[in-house]
Structures are given as C-alpha cells and as structure tokens.
Amino acid sequence: MKNLSPRHVKTEESLRLGVVSGWYSTKVSGTFVSGPHDSEADCLRRIAEINPPPAKKKMVVG
C-alpha cells in the first residue's frame, strides 16, 4: 500500500461521516485505511507498519 497519510477527523465531521473522531490513515483517494488513533504519532506509527520504507539495496563492490 502506498501514499498513506494521517488525517484528523474532528467531531463535526465524524458525525457527518458516521465514524469516531480521531486520527486516521488515509489513501490519496481519502479512503480510511486504519483508525481511529489517539494521536498523529500513533497514526504515523501505524502507517509505518502498513507501509514500511523500502529496504535499502546492498551495493556489491568488486
């Protein structure tokens, strides 16, 4: 999964969307992937778990 970002949903918007207020990881399209999370930091940790950074390639010298 790529390009996830944290998004805070406030109470007014949460009532309109029918979700709990909090931090959510979202796709570029706006689709919620995980949440609600208590803080932006918690949300970012979850994004890192879902979408880990690419492994560095080892350079072969010789």
N, C-alpha and C. Protein backbone atom coordinates (compact mmCIF):
# COMPACT_ATOMS: atom_id res chain seq x y z
N MET A 1 0.86 -1.17 0.00
CA MET A 1 0.00 0.00 0.00
C MET A 1 0.90 1.23 0.00
N LYS A 2 0.58 2.21 -0.79
CA LYS A 2 1.44 3.38 -0.93
C LYS A 2 0.70 4.66 -0.60
N ASN A 3 1.49 5.69 -0.31
CA ASN A 3 0.97 7.04 -0.16
C ASN A 3 -0.11 7.19 0.90
N LEU A 4 0.09 6.58 2.06
CA LEU A 4 -0.85 6.79 3.15
C LEU A 4 -0.45 8.06 3.89
N SER A 5 -1.44 8.77 4.38
CA SER A 5 -1.15 9.97 5.14
C SER A 5 -2.10 10.08 6.33
N PRO A 6 -1.65 10.78 7.40
CA PRO A 6 -2.51 10.95 8.56
C PRO A 6 -3.56 12.02 8.31
N ARG A 7 -4.73 11.83 8.87
CA ARG A 7 -5.80 12.82 8.72
C ARG A 7 -6.60 12.87 10.01
N HIS A 8 -6.81 14.07 10.53
CA HIS A 8 -7.59 14.21 11.76
C HIS A 8 -9.04 14.50 11.40
N VAL A 9 -9.95 13.72 11.99
CA VAL A 9 -11.38 13.90 11.78
C VAL A 9 -11.95 14.47 13.08
N LYS A 10 -12.42 15.70 13.01
CA LYS A 10 -12.99 16.37 14.18
C LYS A 10 -14.43 15.90 14.41
N THR A 11 -14.97 16.24 15.55
CA THR A 11 -16.30 15.77 15.97
C THR A 11 -17.37 16.08 14.95
N GLU A 12 -17.42 17.32 14.45
CA GLU A 12 -18.47 17.69 13.49
C GLU A 12 -18.42 16.81 12.25
N GLU A 13 -17.23 16.62 11.71
CA GLU A 13 -17.08 15.79 10.52
C GLU A 13 -17.35 14.31 10.84
N SER A 14 -16.94 13.87 12.03
CA SER A 14 -17.15 12.47 12.40
C SER A 14 -18.64 12.15 12.46
N LEU A 15 -19.44 13.08 12.94
CA LEU A 15 -20.89 12.87 12.97
C LEU A 15 -21.46 12.75 11.56
N ARG A 16 -20.97 13.59 10.67
CA ARG A 16 -21.43 13.55 9.28
C ARG A 16 -21.03 12.26 8.59
N LEU A 17 -19.79 11.78 8.89
CA LEU A 17 -19.29 10.56 8.24
C LEU A 17 -19.74 9.27 8.93
N GLY A 18 -20.20 9.41 10.17
CA GLY A 18 -20.60 8.23 10.92
C GLY A 18 -19.43 7.44 11.47
N VAL A 19 -18.35 8.14 11.80
CA VAL A 19 -17.17 7.49 12.38
C VAL A 19 -16.82 8.18 13.69
N VAL A 20 -15.93 7.57 14.45
CA VAL A 20 -15.46 8.15 15.70
C VAL A 20 -14.41 9.21 15.38
N SER A 21 -14.44 10.30 16.11
CA SER A 21 -13.45 11.36 15.95
C SER A 21 -12.07 10.83 16.32
N GLY A 22 -11.04 11.25 15.58
CA GLY A 22 -9.66 10.84 15.86
C GLY A 22 -8.80 10.92 14.62
N TRP A 23 -7.62 10.33 14.72
CA TRP A 23 -6.67 10.31 13.60
C TRP A 23 -6.85 9.04 12.79
N TYR A 24 -6.84 9.17 11.48
CA TYR A 24 -6.99 8.03 10.57
C TYR A 24 -5.87 8.06 9.53
N SER A 25 -5.42 6.89 9.12
CA SER A 25 -4.53 6.83 7.97
C SER A 25 -5.43 6.71 6.75
N THR A 26 -5.11 7.49 5.73
CA THR A 26 -5.96 7.52 4.54
C THR A 26 -5.14 7.36 3.27
N LYS A 27 -5.80 6.81 2.26
CA LYS A 27 -5.22 6.74 0.92
C LYS A 27 -5.34 8.13 0.28
N VAL A 28 -4.69 8.32 -0.85
CA VAL A 28 -4.78 9.58 -1.59
C VAL A 28 -6.23 9.88 -1.95
N SER A 29 -7.02 8.83 -2.20
CA SER A 29 -8.42 8.99 -2.57
C SER A 29 -9.29 9.46 -1.41
N GLY A 30 -8.73 9.39 -0.17
CA GLY A 30 -9.49 9.78 1.01
C GLY A 30 -10.08 8.61 1.77
N THR A 31 -9.91 7.41 1.24
CA THR A 31 -10.43 6.22 1.90
C THR A 31 -9.66 5.94 3.18
N PHE A 32 -10.39 5.69 4.26
CA PHE A 32 -9.75 5.36 5.54
C PHE A 32 -9.16 3.97 5.46
N VAL A 33 -7.94 3.82 5.97
CA VAL A 33 -7.26 2.53 5.98
C VAL A 33 -7.18 1.99 7.40
N SER A 34 -6.89 2.86 8.37
CA SER A 34 -6.86 2.43 9.77
C SER A 34 -7.26 3.59 10.67
N GLY A 35 -7.69 3.26 11.87
CA GLY A 35 -8.06 4.29 12.82
C GLY A 35 -9.39 3.97 13.45
N PRO A 36 -9.81 4.76 14.38
CA PRO A 36 -9.17 6.00 14.81
C PRO A 36 -7.98 5.72 15.73
N HIS A 37 -7.01 6.62 15.68
CA HIS A 37 -5.84 6.57 16.54
C HIS A 37 -5.91 7.76 17.49
N ASP A 38 -5.32 7.61 18.68
CA ASP A 38 -5.39 8.66 19.70
C ASP A 38 -4.60 9.91 19.34
N SER A 39 -3.54 9.75 18.56
CA SER A 39 -2.69 10.90 18.23
C SER A 39 -2.13 10.75 16.82
N GLU A 40 -1.59 11.84 16.31
CA GLU A 40 -0.97 11.80 14.98
C GLU A 40 0.23 10.85 15.01
N ALA A 41 0.98 10.86 16.13
CA ALA A 41 2.14 9.97 16.25
C ALA A 41 1.73 8.51 16.18
N ASP A 42 0.63 8.15 16.85
CA ASP A 42 0.12 6.77 16.78
C ASP A 42 -0.27 6.41 15.35
N CYS A 43 -0.90 7.35 14.68
CA CYS A 43 -1.33 7.14 13.30
C CYS A 43 -0.10 6.94 12.40
N LEU A 44 0.92 7.76 12.58
CA LEU A 44 2.13 7.64 11.77
C LEU A 44 2.85 6.31 12.02
N ARG A 45 2.82 5.83 13.27
CA ARG A 45 3.42 4.52 13.58
C ARG A 45 2.67 3.42 12.83
N ARG A 46 1.36 3.52 12.79
CA ARG A 46 0.56 2.51 12.09
C ARG A 46 0.82 2.56 10.58
N ILE A 47 0.95 3.77 10.05
CA ILE A 47 1.27 3.92 8.62
C ILE A 47 2.61 3.24 8.32
N ALA A 48 3.59 3.42 9.22
CA ALA A 48 4.90 2.80 9.02
C ALA A 48 4.80 1.27 9.06
N GLU A 49 3.90 0.73 9.88
CA GLU A 49 3.70 -0.71 9.94
C GLU A 49 3.04 -1.23 8.66
N ILE A 50 2.06 -0.50 8.18
CA ILE A 50 1.33 -0.90 6.98
C ILE A 50 2.18 -0.73 5.73
N ASN A 51 2.92 0.36 5.69
CA ASN A 51 3.67 0.75 4.51
C ASN A 51 5.13 1.01 4.89
N PRO A 52 5.90 -0.06 5.20
CA PRO A 52 7.28 0.17 5.63
C PRO A 52 8.12 0.78 4.51
N PRO A 53 9.14 1.54 4.89
CA PRO A 53 10.00 2.12 3.85
C PRO A 53 10.69 1.00 3.07
N PRO A 54 11.00 1.25 1.80
CA PRO A 54 11.64 0.20 1.00
C PRO A 54 13.00 -0.18 1.59
N ALA A 55 13.33 -1.46 1.52
CA ALA A 55 14.62 -1.93 2.03
C ALA A 55 15.73 -1.37 1.15
N LYS A 56 16.82 -1.00 1.78
CA LYS A 56 17.96 -0.48 1.02
C LYS A 56 18.64 -1.64 0.33
N LYS A 57 19.01 -1.41 -0.92
CA LYS A 57 19.71 -2.45 -1.68
C LYS A 57 21.18 -2.40 -1.32
N LYS A 58 21.76 -3.57 -1.15
CA LYS A 58 23.18 -3.64 -0.84
C LYS A 58 23.96 -3.47 -2.13
N MET A 59 24.98 -2.63 -2.05
CA MET A 59 25.83 -2.44 -3.23
C MET A 59 26.93 -3.49 -3.21
N VAL A 60 27.12 -4.09 -4.33
CA VAL A 60 28.18 -5.07 -4.47
C VAL A 60 29.37 -4.36 -5.09
N VAL A 61 30.48 -4.40 -4.37
CA VAL A 61 31.69 -3.75 -4.86
C VAL A 61 32.66 -4.83 -5.29
N GLY A 62 33.19 -4.65 -6.48
CA GLY A 62 34.20 -5.65 -6.87
C GLY A 62 34.33 -5.85 -8.28
